[in-house]
Amino acid sequence: QVEHPVTEMVTGTDLVEWQLRVASGEKLPKTQSEITLSGHAFEARIYAEDAAKGFLPATGTLHHLKFPDTAPEGASMRIETGVRTG
């Protein structure tokens, strides 16, 4: 599941860990009916594409990238990135 972090955030479940456990022969630790949902989550992606070339991926220098240092009170935040400034 590409958007598995969203599911993990609202269920409190580590789906990748579950996949590894099942792959090693273990049973799922919970049934679907035992999984509860809490809160809201969203995922955002930023792409570098060249519109003049049919929106093909583009390379270059990322000059500015800043994420919040903390989540608002009562919230949690998960940031996964494969890029950095410079």
C-alpha atoms as a PDB file:
ATOM      1  CA  GLN A   1       0.000   0.000   0.000  1.00  0.00           C
ATOM      2  CA  VAL A   2       1.630   3.211  -1.156  1.00  0.00           C
ATOM      3  CA  GLU A   3      -0.212   5.341   1.392  1.00  0.00           C
ATOM      4  CA  HIS A   4       0.435   2.951   4.293  1.00  0.00           C
ATOM      5  CA  PRO A   5       1.693   5.753   6.595  1.00  0.00           C
ATOM      6  CA  VAL A   6      -1.824   7.257   6.546  1.00  0.00           C
ATOM      7  CA  THR A   7      -3.338   3.943   7.625  1.00  0.00           C
ATOM      8  CA  GLU A   8      -0.639   3.500  10.261  1.00  0.00           C
ATOM      9  CA  MET A   9      -1.296   6.933  11.752  1.00  0.00           C
ATOM     10  CA  VAL A  10      -5.056   6.435  12.195  1.00  0.00           C
ATOM     11  CA  THR A  11      -4.814   2.833  13.412  1.00  0.00           C
ATOM     12  CA  GLY A  12      -1.627   2.973  15.491  1.00  0.00           C
ATOM     13  CA  THR A  13      -0.447  -0.085  13.582  1.00  0.00           C
ATOM     14  CA  ASP A  14       2.955  -0.690  11.983  1.00  0.00           C
ATOM     15  CA  LEU A  15       1.872  -2.345   8.729  1.00  0.00           C
ATOM     16  CA  VAL A  16       5.420  -2.946   7.499  1.00  0.00           C
ATOM     17  CA  GLU A  17       6.206  -4.839  10.705  1.00  0.00           C
ATOM     18  CA  TRP A  18       3.048  -6.898  10.197  1.00  0.00           C
ATOM     19  CA  GLN A  19       4.076  -7.711   6.621  1.00  0.00           C
ATOM     20  CA  LEU A  20       7.480  -8.923   7.791  1.00  0.00           C
ATOM     21  CA  ARG A  21       5.953 -11.043  10.545  1.00  0.00           C
ATOM     22  CA  VAL A  22       3.447 -12.650   8.161  1.00  0.00           C
ATOM     23  CA  ALA A  23       6.226 -13.273   5.631  1.00  0.00           C
ATOM     24  CA  SER A  24       8.156 -15.140   8.339  1.00  0.00           C
ATOM     25  CA  GLY A  25       5.164 -17.370   9.047  1.00  0.00           C
ATOM     26  CA  GLU A  26       3.488 -15.582  11.953  1.00  0.00           C
ATOM     27  CA  LYS A  27      -0.240 -14.886  12.066  1.00  0.00           C
ATOM     28  CA  LEU A  28      -1.655 -11.369  11.979  1.00  0.00           C
ATOM     29  CA  PRO A  29      -1.730  -9.982  15.534  1.00  0.00           C
ATOM     30  CA  LYS A  30      -5.253  -8.525  15.121  1.00  0.00           C
ATOM     31  CA  THR A  31      -8.357  -9.208  13.089  1.00  0.00           C
ATOM     32  CA  GLN A  32      -9.998  -6.481  11.015  1.00  0.00           C
ATOM     33  CA  SER A  33     -12.738  -6.079  13.630  1.00  0.00           C
ATOM     34  CA  GLU A  34     -10.111  -5.453  16.341  1.00  0.00           C
ATOM     35  CA  ILE A  35      -8.586  -2.490  14.505  1.00  0.00           C
ATOM     36  CA  THR A  36      -9.971   0.881  15.538  1.00  0.00           C
ATOM     37  CA  LEU A  37      -9.624   4.233  13.808  1.00  0.00           C
ATOM     38  CA  SER A  38      -8.682   7.413  15.624  1.00  0.00           C
ATOM     39  CA  GLY A  39      -8.086  10.894  14.259  1.00  0.00           C
ATOM     40  CA  HIS A  40      -7.285  12.098  10.770  1.00  0.00           C
ATOM     41  CA  ALA A  41      -4.267  11.866   8.506  1.00  0.00           C
ATOM     42  CA  PHE A  42      -3.217  13.009   5.063  1.00  0.00           C
ATOM     43  CA  GLU A  43      -0.279  12.423   2.785  1.00  0.00           C
ATOM     44  CA  ALA A  44       1.279  14.945   0.432  1.00  0.00           C
ATOM     45  CA  ARG A  45       3.863  14.424  -2.269  1.00  0.00           C
ATOM     46  CA  ILE A  46       5.988  16.978  -4.030  1.00  0.00           C
ATOM     47  CA  TYR A  47       7.214  16.121  -7.517  1.00  0.00           C
ATOM     48  CA  ALA A  48       9.908  17.786  -9.624  1.00  0.00           C
ATOM     49  CA  GLU A  49       8.589  17.642 -13.182  1.00  0.00           C
ATOM     50  CA  ASP A  50       9.306  19.528 -16.389  1.00  0.00           C
ATOM     51  CA  ALA A  51       6.021  20.801 -17.847  1.00  0.00           C
ATOM     52  CA  ALA A  52       7.702  21.635 -21.170  1.00  0.00           C
ATOM     53  CA  LYS A  53       8.707  17.973 -21.547  1.00  0.00           C
ATOM     54  CA  GLY A  54       5.330  16.412 -20.869  1.00  0.00           C
ATOM     55  CA  PHE A  55       5.820  16.474 -17.103  1.00  0.00           C
ATOM     56  CA  LEU A  56       8.739  14.060 -17.169  1.00  0.00           C
ATOM     57  CA  PRO A  57      10.753  13.853 -13.948  1.00  0.00           C
ATOM     58  CA  ALA A  58      13.291  16.662 -13.651  1.00  0.00           C
ATOM     59  CA  THR A  59      16.524  16.862 -11.696  1.00  0.00           C
ATOM     60  CA  GLY A  60      18.172  19.861 -10.131  1.00  0.00           C
ATOM     61  CA  THR A  61      19.053  21.520  -6.861  1.00  0.00           C
ATOM     62  CA  LEU A  62      16.461  21.858  -4.143  1.00  0.00           C
ATOM     63  CA  HIS A  63      17.126  25.374  -2.879  1.00  0.00           C
ATOM     64  CA  HIS A  64      14.695  25.511   0.046  1.00  0.00           C
ATOM     65  CA  LEU A  65      12.929  22.833   2.078  1.00  0.00           C
ATOM     66  CA  LYS A  66      11.561  23.397   5.572  1.00  0.00           C
ATOM     67  CA  PHE A  67       9.280  21.230   7.666  1.00  0.00           C
ATOM     68  CA  PRO A  68       7.632  22.215  10.943  1.00  0.00           C
ATOM     69  CA  ASP A  69       9.783  21.479  13.998  1.00  0.00           C
ATOM     70  CA  THR A  70       6.837  20.350  16.098  1.00  0.00           C
ATOM     71  CA  ALA A  71       3.222  19.345  15.631  1.00  0.00           C
ATOM     72  CA  PRO A  72       0.413  21.505  17.004  1.00  0.00           C
ATOM     73  CA  GLU A  73      -0.647  20.708  20.558  1.00  0.00           C
ATOM     74  CA  GLY A  74      -2.655  17.495  20.695  1.00  0.00           C
ATOM     75  CA  ALA A  75      -1.475  16.355  17.266  1.00  0.00           C
ATOM     76  CA  SER A  76       1.296  14.169  15.968  1.00  0.00           C
ATOM     77  CA  MET A  77       3.384  14.527  12.850  1.00  0.00           C
ATOM     78  CA  ARG A  78       5.255  12.038  10.678  1.00  0.00           C
ATOM     79  CA  ILE A  79       7.581  13.218   7.934  1.00  0.00           C
ATOM     80  CA  GLU A  80       9.287  10.809   5.571  1.00  0.00           C
ATOM     81  CA  THR A  81      11.535  12.287   2.925  1.00  0.00           C
ATOM     82  CA  GLY A  82      14.276  11.223   0.592  1.00  0.00           C
ATOM     83  CA  VAL A  83      15.520  14.724  -0.213  1.00  0.00           C
ATOM     84  CA  ARG A  84      17.349  17.559   1.466  1.00  0.00           C
ATOM     85  CA  THR A  85      18.193  21.162   0.664  1.00  0.00           C
ATOM     86  CA  GLY A  86      21.218  21.600  -1.576  1.00  0.00           C
END
